[in-house]
Protein backbone atom coordinates (compact mmCIF):
# COMPACT_ATOMS: atom_id res chain seq x y z
CA UNK A 1 0.00 0.00 0.00
CA UNK A 2 2.56 2.59 1.10
CA UNK A 3 5.97 2.96 2.64
CA UNK A 4 7.45 5.68 4.80
CA UNK A 5 10.31 7.30 2.94
CA UNK A 6 12.02 10.53 3.93
CA UNK A 7 9.60 13.18 5.21
CA UNK A 8 6.45 11.87 3.55
CA UNK A 9 4.66 8.66 2.76
CA UNK A 10 5.38 7.43 -0.75
CA UNK A 11 2.61 5.45 -2.39
CA UNK A 12 3.65 2.34 -4.27
CA UNK A 13 2.23 3.96 -7.38
CA UNK A 14 4.76 6.81 -7.07
CA UNK A 15 7.42 6.67 -9.73
CA UNK A 16 10.63 4.94 -8.66
CA UNK A 17 12.49 8.21 -9.20
CA UNK A 18 10.51 9.80 -6.33
CA UNK A 19 11.44 6.93 -4.02
CA UNK A 20 15.09 7.11 -5.08
CA UNK A 21 15.17 10.87 -4.54
CA UNK A 22 13.74 10.52 -1.01
CA UNK A 23 16.24 7.80 -0.14
CA UNK A 24 19.10 9.91 -1.47
CA UNK A 25 17.86 12.86 0.60
CA UNK A 26 17.60 10.62 3.68
CA UNK A 27 21.16 9.37 3.13
CA UNK A 28 22.49 12.93 2.95
CA UNK A 29 20.66 13.88 6.15
CA UNK A 30 21.87 10.73 7.92
CA UNK A 31 25.46 11.45 6.95
CA UNK A 32 25.14 15.04 8.20
CA UNK A 33 23.95 13.82 11.60
CA UNK A 34 26.68 11.16 11.69
CA UNK A 35 29.35 13.75 10.88
CA UNK A 36 27.98 16.15 13.49
CA UNK A 37 28.30 13.37 16.08
CA UNK A 38 31.79 12.32 14.96
CA UNK A 39 30.73 8.92 13.65
CA UNK A 40 28.72 7.94 16.72
CA UNK A 41 25.78 6.27 14.98
CA UNK A 42 23.68 5.94 18.13
CA UNK A 43 24.10 9.60 19.08
CA UNK A 44 23.31 10.63 15.50
CA UNK A 45 20.15 8.51 15.48
CA UNK A 46 18.98 9.87 18.83
CA UNK A 47 19.60 13.46 17.68
CA UNK A 48 17.77 12.87 14.39
CA UNK A 49 14.77 11.38 16.18
CA UNK A 50 14.73 14.19 18.77
CA UNK A 51 14.80 16.78 15.98
CA UNK A 52 12.04 14.96 14.10
CA UNK A 53 9.86 14.85 17.23
CA UNK A 54 10.46 18.56 17.86
CA UNK A 55 9.49 19.33 14.25
CA UNK A 56 6.36 17.19 14.64
CA UNK A 57 5.39 19.05 17.83
CA UNK A 58 5.88 22.40 16.10
CA UNK A 59 3.79 21.29 13.11
CA UNK A 60 1.01 20.09 15.42
CA UNK A 61 1.06 23.43 17.28
CA UNK A 62 0.81 25.33 13.97
CA UNK A 63 -2.06 23.12 12.82
CA UNK A 64 -3.90 23.65 16.11
CA UNK A 65 -3.41 27.43 15.82
CA UNK A 66 -4.91 27.33 12.32
CA UNK A 67 -7.88 25.27 13.58
CA UNK A 68 -8.48 27.82 16.35
CA UNK A 69 -8.38 30.71 13.87
CA UNK A 70 -10.85 28.96 11.59
CA UNK A 71 -13.13 28.21 14.54
CA UNK A 72 -13.04 31.87 15.67
CA UNK A 73 -13.90 32.94 12.15
CA UNK A 74 -17.07 30.85 12.21
CA UNK A 75 -18.04 32.22 15.63
CA UNK A 76 -17.44 35.84 14.59
CA UNK A 77 -19.41 35.46 11.40
CA UNK A 78 -22.38 34.09 13.32
CA UNK A 79 -25.53 32.57 11.85
CA UNK A 80 -27.01 34.27 8.80
CA UNK A 81 -29.96 36.58 9.44
CA UNK A 82 -33.43 35.26 8.64
CA UNK A 83 -33.71 37.39 5.48
CA UNK A 84 -30.27 36.12 4.30
CA UNK A 85 -31.32 32.46 4.61
CA UNK A 86 -34.24 32.74 2.24
C-alpha atoms as a PDB file:
ATOM      1  CA  UNK A   1       0.000   0.000   0.000  1.00  0.00           C
ATOM      2  CA  UNK A   2       2.564   2.590   1.095  1.00  0.00           C
ATOM      3  CA  UNK A   3       5.975   2.958   2.636  1.00  0.00           C
ATOM      4  CA  UNK A   4       7.451   5.679   4.803  1.00  0.00           C
ATOM      5  CA  UNK A   5      10.307   7.305   2.938  1.00  0.00           C
ATOM      6  CA  UNK A   6      12.019  10.530   3.934  1.00  0.00           C
ATOM      7  CA  UNK A   7       9.598  13.181   5.207  1.00  0.00           C
ATOM      8  CA  UNK A   8       6.447  11.872   3.554  1.00  0.00           C
ATOM      9  CA  UNK A   9       4.656   8.658   2.757  1.00  0.00           C
ATOM     10  CA  UNK A  10       5.378   7.430  -0.749  1.00  0.00           C
ATOM     11  CA  UNK A  11       2.614   5.445  -2.388  1.00  0.00           C
ATOM     12  CA  UNK A  12       3.653   2.340  -4.268  1.00  0.00           C
ATOM     13  CA  UNK A  13       2.231   3.965  -7.382  1.00  0.00           C
ATOM     14  CA  UNK A  14       4.760   6.813  -7.071  1.00  0.00           C
ATOM     15  CA  UNK A  15       7.416   6.667  -9.733  1.00  0.00           C
ATOM     16  CA  UNK A  16      10.626   4.939  -8.664  1.00  0.00           C
ATOM     17  CA  UNK A  17      12.490   8.208  -9.202  1.00  0.00           C
ATOM     18  CA  UNK A  18      10.509   9.801  -6.329  1.00  0.00           C
ATOM     19  CA  UNK A  19      11.442   6.932  -4.021  1.00  0.00           C
ATOM     20  CA  UNK A  20      15.088   7.112  -5.084  1.00  0.00           C
ATOM     21  CA  UNK A  21      15.166  10.872  -4.537  1.00  0.00           C
ATOM     22  CA  UNK A  22      13.744  10.517  -1.009  1.00  0.00           C
ATOM     23  CA  UNK A  23      16.239   7.797  -0.141  1.00  0.00           C
ATOM     24  CA  UNK A  24      19.104   9.906  -1.466  1.00  0.00           C
ATOM     25  CA  UNK A  25      17.862  12.856   0.602  1.00  0.00           C
ATOM     26  CA  UNK A  26      17.598  10.620   3.676  1.00  0.00           C
ATOM     27  CA  UNK A  27      21.160   9.367   3.125  1.00  0.00           C
ATOM     28  CA  UNK A  28      22.491  12.935   2.954  1.00  0.00           C
ATOM     29  CA  UNK A  29      20.660  13.876   6.152  1.00  0.00           C
ATOM     30  CA  UNK A  30      21.865  10.728   7.923  1.00  0.00           C
ATOM     31  CA  UNK A  31      25.465  11.455   6.952  1.00  0.00           C
ATOM     32  CA  UNK A  32      25.141  15.043   8.197  1.00  0.00           C
ATOM     33  CA  UNK A  33      23.946  13.816  11.603  1.00  0.00           C
ATOM     34  CA  UNK A  34      26.677  11.162  11.692  1.00  0.00           C
ATOM     35  CA  UNK A  35      29.351  13.748  10.883  1.00  0.00           C
ATOM     36  CA  UNK A  36      27.984  16.147  13.486  1.00  0.00           C
ATOM     37  CA  UNK A  37      28.299  13.373  16.080  1.00  0.00           C
ATOM     38  CA  UNK A  38      31.785  12.316  14.959  1.00  0.00           C
ATOM     39  CA  UNK A  39      30.728   8.922  13.645  1.00  0.00           C
ATOM     40  CA  UNK A  40      28.725   7.940  16.716  1.00  0.00           C
ATOM     41  CA  UNK A  41      25.779   6.268  14.975  1.00  0.00           C
ATOM     42  CA  UNK A  42      23.676   5.941  18.126  1.00  0.00           C
ATOM     43  CA  UNK A  43      24.100   9.601  19.080  1.00  0.00           C
ATOM     44  CA  UNK A  44      23.312  10.634  15.499  1.00  0.00           C
ATOM     45  CA  UNK A  45      20.153   8.508  15.478  1.00  0.00           C
ATOM     46  CA  UNK A  46      18.981   9.867  18.829  1.00  0.00           C
ATOM     47  CA  UNK A  47      19.604  13.458  17.676  1.00  0.00           C
ATOM     48  CA  UNK A  48      17.772  12.872  14.386  1.00  0.00           C
ATOM     49  CA  UNK A  49      14.772  11.380  16.184  1.00  0.00           C
ATOM     50  CA  UNK A  50      14.729  14.187  18.769  1.00  0.00           C
ATOM     51  CA  UNK A  51      14.799  16.780  15.976  1.00  0.00           C
ATOM     52  CA  UNK A  52      12.035  14.963  14.101  1.00  0.00           C
ATOM     53  CA  UNK A  53       9.863  14.854  17.226  1.00  0.00           C
ATOM     54  CA  UNK A  54      10.457  18.557  17.861  1.00  0.00           C
ATOM     55  CA  UNK A  55       9.489  19.327  14.248  1.00  0.00           C
ATOM     56  CA  UNK A  56       6.356  17.193  14.637  1.00  0.00           C
ATOM     57  CA  UNK A  57       5.386  19.046  17.828  1.00  0.00           C
ATOM     58  CA  UNK A  58       5.883  22.401  16.095  1.00  0.00           C
ATOM     59  CA  UNK A  59       3.792  21.289  13.113  1.00  0.00           C
ATOM     60  CA  UNK A  60       1.013  20.095  15.420  1.00  0.00           C
ATOM     61  CA  UNK A  61       1.063  23.433  17.277  1.00  0.00           C
ATOM     62  CA  UNK A  62       0.809  25.333  13.970  1.00  0.00           C
ATOM     63  CA  UNK A  63      -2.064  23.117  12.819  1.00  0.00           C
ATOM     64  CA  UNK A  64      -3.896  23.654  16.112  1.00  0.00           C
ATOM     65  CA  UNK A  65      -3.411  27.432  15.818  1.00  0.00           C
ATOM     66  CA  UNK A  66      -4.914  27.331  12.322  1.00  0.00           C
ATOM     67  CA  UNK A  67      -7.883  25.267  13.583  1.00  0.00           C
ATOM     68  CA  UNK A  68      -8.481  27.820  16.353  1.00  0.00           C
ATOM     69  CA  UNK A  69      -8.380  30.709  13.870  1.00  0.00           C
ATOM     70  CA  UNK A  70     -10.855  28.960  11.587  1.00  0.00           C
ATOM     71  CA  UNK A  71     -13.125  28.209  14.537  1.00  0.00           C
ATOM     72  CA  UNK A  72     -13.044  31.869  15.674  1.00  0.00           C
ATOM     73  CA  UNK A  73     -13.904  32.943  12.146  1.00  0.00           C
ATOM     74  CA  UNK A  74     -17.066  30.854  12.212  1.00  0.00           C
ATOM     75  CA  UNK A  75     -18.042  32.218  15.627  1.00  0.00           C
ATOM     76  CA  UNK A  76     -17.442  35.837  14.594  1.00  0.00           C
ATOM     77  CA  UNK A  77     -19.413  35.461  11.405  1.00  0.00           C
ATOM     78  CA  UNK A  78     -22.378  34.094  13.317  1.00  0.00           C
ATOM     79  CA  UNK A  79     -25.528  32.573  11.847  1.00  0.00           C
ATOM     80  CA  UNK A  80     -27.007  34.269   8.795  1.00  0.00           C
ATOM     81  CA  UNK A  81     -29.960  36.579   9.435  1.00  0.00           C
ATOM     82  CA  UNK A  82     -33.432  35.263   8.638  1.00  0.00           C
ATOM     83  CA  UNK A  83     -33.709  37.387   5.481  1.00  0.00           C
ATOM     84  CA  UNK A  84     -30.273  36.121   4.298  1.00  0.00           C
ATOM     85  CA  UNK A  85     -31.318  32.458   4.614  1.00  0.00           C
ATOM     86  CA  UNK A  86     -34.239  32.741   2.242  1.00  0.00           C
END
